[in-house]
Amino acid sequence: MFHFLQDKLQKILEKKSSWSKAYVPFCWAFRFISMITHLRAT
């Protein structure tokens, strides 16, 4: 599911080059949140 969303985001960002600056911090934030939720689940 995550890879599907990432692919969707990448295609959108290719169209909107201005979004590329916000993509990296968003990706890190998404990884950070998913890591926390994974740790809480276990």
Protein backbone atom coordinates (compact mmCIF):
# COMPACT_ATOMS: atom_id res chain seq x y z
CA MET A 1 0.00 0.00 0.00
CA PHE A 2 2.79 2.41 0.93
CA HIS A 3 4.64 1.79 -2.33
CA PHE A 4 1.41 2.49 -4.23
CA LEU A 5 0.97 5.82 -2.42
CA GLN A 6 4.62 6.69 -2.98
CA ASP A 7 4.26 6.00 -6.70
CA LYS A 8 1.14 8.19 -6.81
CA LEU A 9 2.94 11.01 -5.01
CA GLN A 10 5.95 10.74 -7.30
CA LYS A 11 3.75 11.04 -10.40
CA ILE A 12 1.99 14.08 -8.95
CA LEU A 13 5.31 15.66 -7.97
CA GLU A 14 6.69 15.14 -11.46
CA LYS A 15 3.87 17.38 -12.71
CA LYS A 16 4.29 19.91 -9.90
CA SER A 17 8.01 20.59 -9.58
CA SER A 18 7.37 23.11 -6.78
CA TRP A 19 6.17 20.22 -4.61
CA SER A 20 9.55 18.46 -4.87
CA LYS A 21 10.91 20.65 -2.06
CA ALA A 22 8.13 19.51 0.27
CA TYR A 23 8.37 15.86 -0.80
CA VAL A 24 11.55 14.95 1.11
CA PRO A 25 10.45 16.23 4.57
CA PHE A 26 6.99 14.72 3.99
CA CYS A 27 8.53 11.36 3.15
CA TRP A 28 10.69 11.46 6.30
CA ALA A 29 7.69 12.49 8.42
CA PHE A 30 5.64 9.63 6.95
CA ARG A 31 8.42 7.14 7.71
CA PHE A 32 8.80 8.52 11.23
CA ILE A 33 5.05 8.24 11.93
CA SER A 34 4.84 4.72 10.46
CA MET A 35 7.85 3.67 12.54
CA ILE A 36 6.24 4.96 15.76
CA THR A 37 2.92 3.26 14.99
CA HIS A 38 4.78 0.02 14.23
CA LEU A 39 6.64 0.20 17.54
CA ARG A 40 3.41 0.88 19.43
CA ALA A 41 1.64 -2.02 17.71
CA THR A 42 4.28 -4.54 18.82
